[in-house]
Every structure is written in structure tokens, then in C-alpha cells.
């Protein structure tokens, strides 16, 4: 029994240090493995360090010069606002509407026959119109440029210098007369088909024509033309800026 107690005391004296050393060895091994995980590999190359003084190797950015205002003096420098703010361009004045007189509408008659011009003049003036007569298409274009108040054009298709087809093409090709109503008169049936293919011709009358039908056509076209011109003039007056 005494021998058992002596063995127990002997084992207790050696067992206690062993029990303390084993956990310590385990902790040391774990710490060693953790340290190896954060160690960089042999082929690892650290990034290059920036140059001393904090200066970068990149080339400096060069900004374009700022524009100088046109209204500035000779010694004025560039303005920051002028680089972003551009003065608005002045508004173009609206296209003036054709002048519409308060009197009767004006009718332009283009025909190389004096007899036809006289007959048309008597018919139209009897209905209250103002009549302007010309011999060919060149004279007609000159009158249209001189008298923008002309409301209707009556033209013969066969005339010297510039015939009716060329006159109609010039009238519709001009910005000032493109909406002018045109009435064609002719003495040949074969010309009716050609005129029917032209836009802007509001009537084709064969010689001799019916005075009543021709007069009704002229009255309706002159009324529409005059009303449209007056509306355009009122719109232009509303768009025009007030005078200082």
C-alpha cells in the first residue's frame, strides 16, 4: 500500500509538467503555420516605389487657350464665361408678306394678241378689277417683280420670247410668286393635255372662252389670294418685334 502511494506521488511529479507542455507545443505549432501563410512567395516582386518628392512621371495635361470675347479691349484676357457661353445670333427678320392694296385686286394679262388683251381688259375692268397687260413672258415676270400685289395671272400659252409654259415654270419656281394662281388660255386643243400636267394652273380656257365662266374663276381666285395675303401680313406684323 505504501508502495502504491509512492508510485502515485512519483507519477504526479512527472505527469503535471507533461500535461502543461503538450498544449504549449500545440499553440506554438499553430502560430508557426499561421506565420507561414502570410509569408510572400520567393518569386514575389514588390511594386515600384514612386519617385521622391511625390512627382508623377506622367506628362502634364495642356489645356487649350480660352477664347477672347469679340467685344473685349486689346489688352483684355480670356474669359472663362466666353468658353461656355456663346452670344445668340440675331434672329432673321420674317419674310414680308405681299403688299395688298385696299383697292380692287390686280390681274396680269399676258398675251401677244392685242385683240385678246383688249377683250380681257374690258371684261375685267367692267367687273371692278385693275388690269395690267403685257406682250410675252419676259414682260410678265418684270411686272410681277414690280407689282407684288398682282392677285391672278392670265396667260396665253403661245407667245414669242417666252411662252406660257416657260412663264408658268418661272412663276412657280420663284419664292415670291410660287403660290400665285394662274389661268391659261389657248386656241389649240392639243395644248390642253400639256397644261393639265402642270401644277398651280387653276383653269384652262379655249379661245373663244365663256366670259361668265372666266369671270367667276378670276373672282374666286382673286378673293382667295387677297385673303391669304392679308392673313400673311397680319402674321408678319405679330411676329415683328416692337420698335424702340
Protein backbone atom coordinates (compact mmCIF):
# COMPACT_ATOMS: atom_id res chain seq x y z
CA UNK A 1 0.00 0.00 0.00
CA UNK A 2 2.80 2.32 0.81
CA UNK A 3 4.39 1.32 -2.44
CA UNK A 4 1.26 2.41 -4.37
CA UNK A 5 1.28 5.81 -2.71
CA UNK A 6 4.92 6.30 -3.58
CA UNK A 7 4.24 5.41 -7.27
CA UNK A 8 1.33 7.85 -7.39
CA UNK A 9 3.46 10.66 -5.99
CA UNK A 10 6.24 9.88 -8.46
CA UNK A 11 3.88 9.88 -11.49
CA UNK A 12 2.20 13.09 -10.28
CA UNK A 13 5.55 14.83 -10.13
CA UNK A 14 6.33 13.95 -13.84
CA UNK A 15 2.78 13.95 -15.26
CA UNK A 16 1.90 17.55 -14.42
CA UNK A 17 4.73 19.12 -16.49
CA UNK A 18 3.87 16.84 -19.44
CA UNK A 19 0.24 17.94 -19.36
CA UNK A 20 1.32 21.58 -19.37
CA UNK A 21 3.96 21.19 -22.13
CA UNK A 22 1.70 19.43 -24.66
CA UNK A 23 -0.84 22.33 -25.03
CA UNK A 24 2.00 24.81 -25.22
CA UNK A 25 3.62 22.83 -28.03
CA UNK A 26 0.35 22.71 -29.95
CA UNK A 27 -0.08 26.51 -29.64
CA UNK A 28 3.47 27.07 -30.86
CA UNK A 29 2.90 24.84 -33.90
CA UNK A 30 -0.34 26.62 -34.84
CA UNK A 31 1.32 30.02 -34.58
CA UNK A 32 4.19 28.83 -36.79
CA UNK A 33 1.81 27.61 -39.53
CA UNK A 34 -0.14 30.87 -39.45
CA UNK A 35 3.05 32.87 -39.92
CA UNK A 36 3.99 30.80 -42.98
CA UNK A 37 0.61 31.60 -44.61
CA UNK A 38 1.40 35.36 -44.70
CA UNK A 39 4.95 34.95 -45.95
CA UNK A 40 5.23 36.06 -49.64
CA UNK A 41 6.49 33.56 -52.21
CA UNK A 42 10.07 33.64 -53.41
CA UNK A 43 9.12 34.92 -56.90
CA UNK A 44 7.10 37.80 -55.43
CA UNK A 45 8.25 41.26 -56.70
CA UNK A 46 7.17 44.31 -54.73
CA UNK A 47 5.63 47.20 -56.72
CA UNK A 48 7.97 50.06 -57.72
CA UNK A 49 8.10 52.95 -55.38
CA UNK A 50 7.08 56.41 -56.61
CA UNK A 51 9.89 58.91 -57.26
CA UNK A 52 10.99 61.10 -54.47
CA UNK A 53 9.23 64.38 -53.96
CA UNK A 54 5.78 62.99 -54.87
CA UNK A 55 6.12 63.90 -58.59
CA UNK A 56 4.49 61.65 -61.16
CA UNK A 57 6.23 60.54 -64.33
CA UNK A 58 3.18 61.25 -66.49
CA UNK A 59 3.32 64.22 -68.87
CA UNK A 60 1.37 67.31 -67.76
CA UNK A 61 -2.05 67.92 -69.33
CA UNK A 62 -2.11 71.03 -71.54
CA UNK A 63 -5.50 72.75 -71.81
CA UNK A 64 -6.46 74.80 -74.93
CA UNK A 65 -6.45 78.57 -74.53
CA UNK A 66 -9.70 80.23 -73.65
CA UNK A 67 -11.32 82.37 -76.38
CA UNK A 68 -11.32 86.14 -76.01
CA UNK A 69 -14.59 87.98 -76.36
CA UNK A 70 -15.03 89.99 -79.55
CA UNK A 71 -16.24 92.99 -77.52
CA UNK A 72 -13.22 93.00 -75.22
CA UNK A 73 -10.44 95.55 -75.46
CA UNK A 74 -7.00 94.88 -76.96
CA UNK A 75 -5.48 94.19 -73.51
CA UNK A 76 -8.30 92.04 -72.23
CA UNK A 77 -7.53 88.47 -71.30
CA UNK A 78 -9.56 85.34 -71.95
CA UNK A 79 -12.85 84.99 -70.15
CA UNK A 80 -13.96 81.76 -68.51
CA UNK A 81 -17.57 82.54 -69.37
CA UNK A 82 -16.74 83.02 -73.05
CA UNK A 83 -15.55 79.41 -73.27
CA UNK A 84 -19.02 78.09 -72.46
CA UNK A 85 -21.46 80.89 -73.28
CA UNK A 86 -21.96 81.94 -76.89
CA UNK A 87 -23.89 85.03 -77.72
CA UNK A 88 -27.12 84.16 -79.61
CA UNK A 89 -27.14 85.04 -83.27
CA UNK A 90 -29.61 87.76 -84.22
CA UNK A 91 -32.94 86.48 -85.48
CA UNK A 92 -33.58 86.82 -89.18
CA UNK A 93 -36.49 89.14 -89.97
CA UNK A 94 -39.58 87.31 -91.21
CA UNK A 95 -40.28 87.26 -94.91
CA UNK A 96 -42.53 90.23 -95.71
CA UNK A 97 -45.96 89.35 -97.00
CA UNK A 98 -47.06 90.66 -100.40
CA UNK A 99 -48.43 94.18 -100.26
CA UNK A 100 -52.21 94.07 -100.53
CA UNK A 101 -53.69 97.43 -101.51
CA UNK A 102 -57.09 98.43 -100.23
CA UNK A 103 -58.38 98.95 -103.79
CA UNK A 104 -59.59 96.30 -106.28
CA UNK A 105 -57.37 93.24 -106.98
CA UNK A 106 -54.87 93.50 -109.82
CA UNK A 107 -54.98 90.98 -112.69
CA UNK A 108 -51.98 90.45 -115.00
CA UNK A 109 -52.86 89.54 -118.61
CA UNK A 110 -50.04 88.13 -120.81
CA UNK A 111 -50.93 87.67 -124.49
CA UNK A 112 -49.24 88.68 -127.74
CA UNK A 113 -52.61 89.41 -129.37
CA UNK A 114 -53.81 93.00 -128.96
CA UNK A 115 -57.37 91.88 -129.65
CA UNK A 116 -57.33 89.34 -126.82
CA UNK A 117 -55.76 91.81 -124.39
CA UNK A 118 -58.38 94.43 -125.20
CA UNK A 119 -61.24 91.97 -124.75
CA UNK A 120 -59.92 90.74 -121.41
CA UNK A 121 -59.24 94.27 -120.22
CA UNK A 122 -62.79 95.35 -120.98
CA UNK A 123 -64.24 92.26 -119.24
CA UNK A 124 -62.14 92.50 -116.09
CA UNK A 125 -62.30 96.25 -115.62
CA UNK A 126 -66.08 96.04 -116.01
CA UNK A 127 -66.08 93.68 -113.01
CA UNK A 128 -64.04 96.12 -110.92
CA UNK A 129 -60.52 94.70 -111.36
CA UNK A 130 -57.32 96.57 -112.14
CA UNK A 131 -55.70 95.13 -115.29
CA UNK A 132 -52.03 95.11 -116.28
CA UNK A 133 -51.25 93.99 -119.87
CA UNK A 134 -48.00 92.56 -121.31
CA UNK A 135 -46.98 91.00 -124.65
CA UNK A 136 -44.89 87.99 -123.54
CA UNK A 137 -43.50 86.08 -120.59
CA UNK A 138 -40.45 88.29 -120.07
CA UNK A 139 -42.61 91.37 -119.64
CA UNK A 140 -44.89 89.41 -117.33
CA UNK A 141 -42.00 88.47 -114.98
CA UNK A 142 -40.88 92.10 -114.91
CA UNK A 143 -44.38 93.22 -113.89
CA UNK A 144 -44.55 90.55 -111.18
CA UNK A 145 -41.30 91.83 -109.70
CA UNK A 146 -42.51 95.42 -109.88
CA UNK A 147 -46.07 94.83 -108.66
CA UNK A 148 -46.23 92.16 -105.91
CA UNK A 149 -49.90 93.00 -105.35
CA UNK A 150 -50.91 91.10 -108.52
CA UNK A 151 -53.53 88.57 -107.46
CA UNK A 152 -54.08 86.41 -110.58
CA UNK A 153 -52.11 85.74 -113.79
CA UNK A 154 -53.95 85.07 -117.08
CA UNK A 155 -51.53 83.93 -119.75
CA UNK A 156 -51.64 82.70 -123.31
CA UNK A 157 -49.64 79.53 -123.98
CA UNK A 158 -48.21 80.61 -127.36
CA UNK A 159 -46.17 83.81 -127.13
CA UNK A 160 -42.83 84.98 -128.55
CA UNK A 161 -39.62 85.26 -126.49
CA UNK A 162 -41.05 83.33 -123.52
CA UNK A 163 -44.23 81.30 -124.00
CA UNK A 164 -46.87 80.45 -121.43
CA UNK A 165 -45.27 77.17 -120.34
CA UNK A 166 -41.96 78.85 -119.58
CA UNK A 167 -43.73 81.70 -117.81
CA UNK A 168 -45.70 79.31 -115.57
CA UNK A 169 -42.49 77.42 -114.71
CA UNK A 170 -40.71 80.66 -113.77
CA UNK A 171 -43.65 81.87 -111.68
CA UNK A 172 -43.88 78.64 -109.70
CA UNK A 173 -40.09 78.47 -109.34
CA UNK A 174 -39.86 81.84 -107.59
CA UNK A 175 -40.34 82.12 -103.83
CA UNK A 176 -42.30 85.35 -104.18
CA UNK A 177 -44.78 84.06 -106.77
CA UNK A 178 -44.89 80.30 -106.20
CA UNK A 179 -48.44 80.49 -104.84
CA UNK A 180 -49.77 82.89 -107.49
CA UNK A 181 -52.93 81.49 -109.16
CA UNK A 182 -52.56 81.03 -112.94
CA UNK A 183 -55.27 80.77 -115.61
CA UNK A 184 -54.20 79.55 -119.08
CA UNK A 185 -55.93 80.43 -122.36
CA UNK A 186 -55.21 78.78 -125.70
CA UNK A 187 -56.67 78.35 -129.16
CA UNK A 188 -55.41 74.77 -129.71
CA UNK A 189 -56.93 71.60 -128.28
CA UNK A 190 -53.62 69.71 -128.23
CA UNK A 191 -52.23 72.09 -125.60
CA UNK A 192 -54.91 71.19 -123.04
CA UNK A 193 -53.18 67.90 -122.20
CA UNK A 194 -49.83 69.58 -121.55
CA UNK A 195 -51.34 72.22 -119.30
CA UNK A 196 -53.27 69.60 -117.32
CA UNK A 197 -49.96 68.12 -116.15
CA UNK A 198 -48.74 71.43 -114.68
CA UNK A 199 -49.48 72.12 -111.01
CA UNK A 200 -50.69 75.55 -110.00
CA UNK A 201 -52.88 76.13 -113.06
CA UNK A 202 -56.42 76.76 -111.81
CA UNK A 203 -58.20 76.90 -115.15
CA UNK A 204 -57.76 76.28 -118.89
CA UNK A 205 -59.99 78.25 -121.24
CA UNK A 206 -60.09 77.77 -125.00
CA UNK A 207 -60.49 80.76 -127.30
CA UNK A 208 -63.17 81.99 -127.62
CA UNK A 209 -63.98 81.49 -123.93
CA UNK A 210 -67.18 81.98 -122.00
CA UNK A 211 -66.95 85.40 -120.35
CA UNK A 212 -69.18 84.45 -117.43
CA UNK A 213 -67.23 81.31 -116.55
CA UNK A 214 -63.88 83.05 -116.89
CA UNK A 215 -65.01 85.97 -114.76
CA UNK A 216 -66.28 83.66 -111.98
CA UNK A 217 -62.96 81.82 -111.94
CA UNK A 218 -60.99 85.06 -111.74
CA UNK A 219 -63.19 86.44 -108.94
CA UNK A 220 -62.85 83.31 -106.79
CA UNK A 221 -59.07 83.09 -107.23
CA UNK A 222 -58.56 86.81 -106.58
CA UNK A 223 -60.63 86.59 -103.40
CA UNK A 224 -58.64 83.63 -102.09
CA UNK A 225 -55.32 85.24 -102.98
CA UNK A 226 -56.22 88.54 -101.33
CA UNK A 227 -57.47 86.87 -98.16
CA UNK A 228 -54.34 84.72 -97.87
CA UNK A 229 -52.07 87.72 -98.41
CA UNK A 230 -53.84 89.72 -95.70
CA UNK A 231 -53.54 86.84 -93.23
CA UNK A 232 -49.83 86.56 -94.01
CA UNK A 233 -49.36 90.30 -93.48
CA UNK A 234 -51.13 90.19 -90.11
CA UNK A 235 -48.98 87.24 -89.03
CA UNK A 236 -45.85 89.14 -90.05
CA UNK A 237 -46.96 92.15 -88.03
CA UNK A 238 -47.49 89.96 -84.96
CA UNK A 239 -44.04 88.33 -85.30
CA UNK A 240 -42.24 91.63 -85.86
CA UNK A 241 -40.53 92.99 -82.69
CA UNK A 242 -41.89 96.29 -81.38
CA UNK A 243 -39.89 99.35 -82.39
CA UNK A 244 -37.87 101.05 -79.68
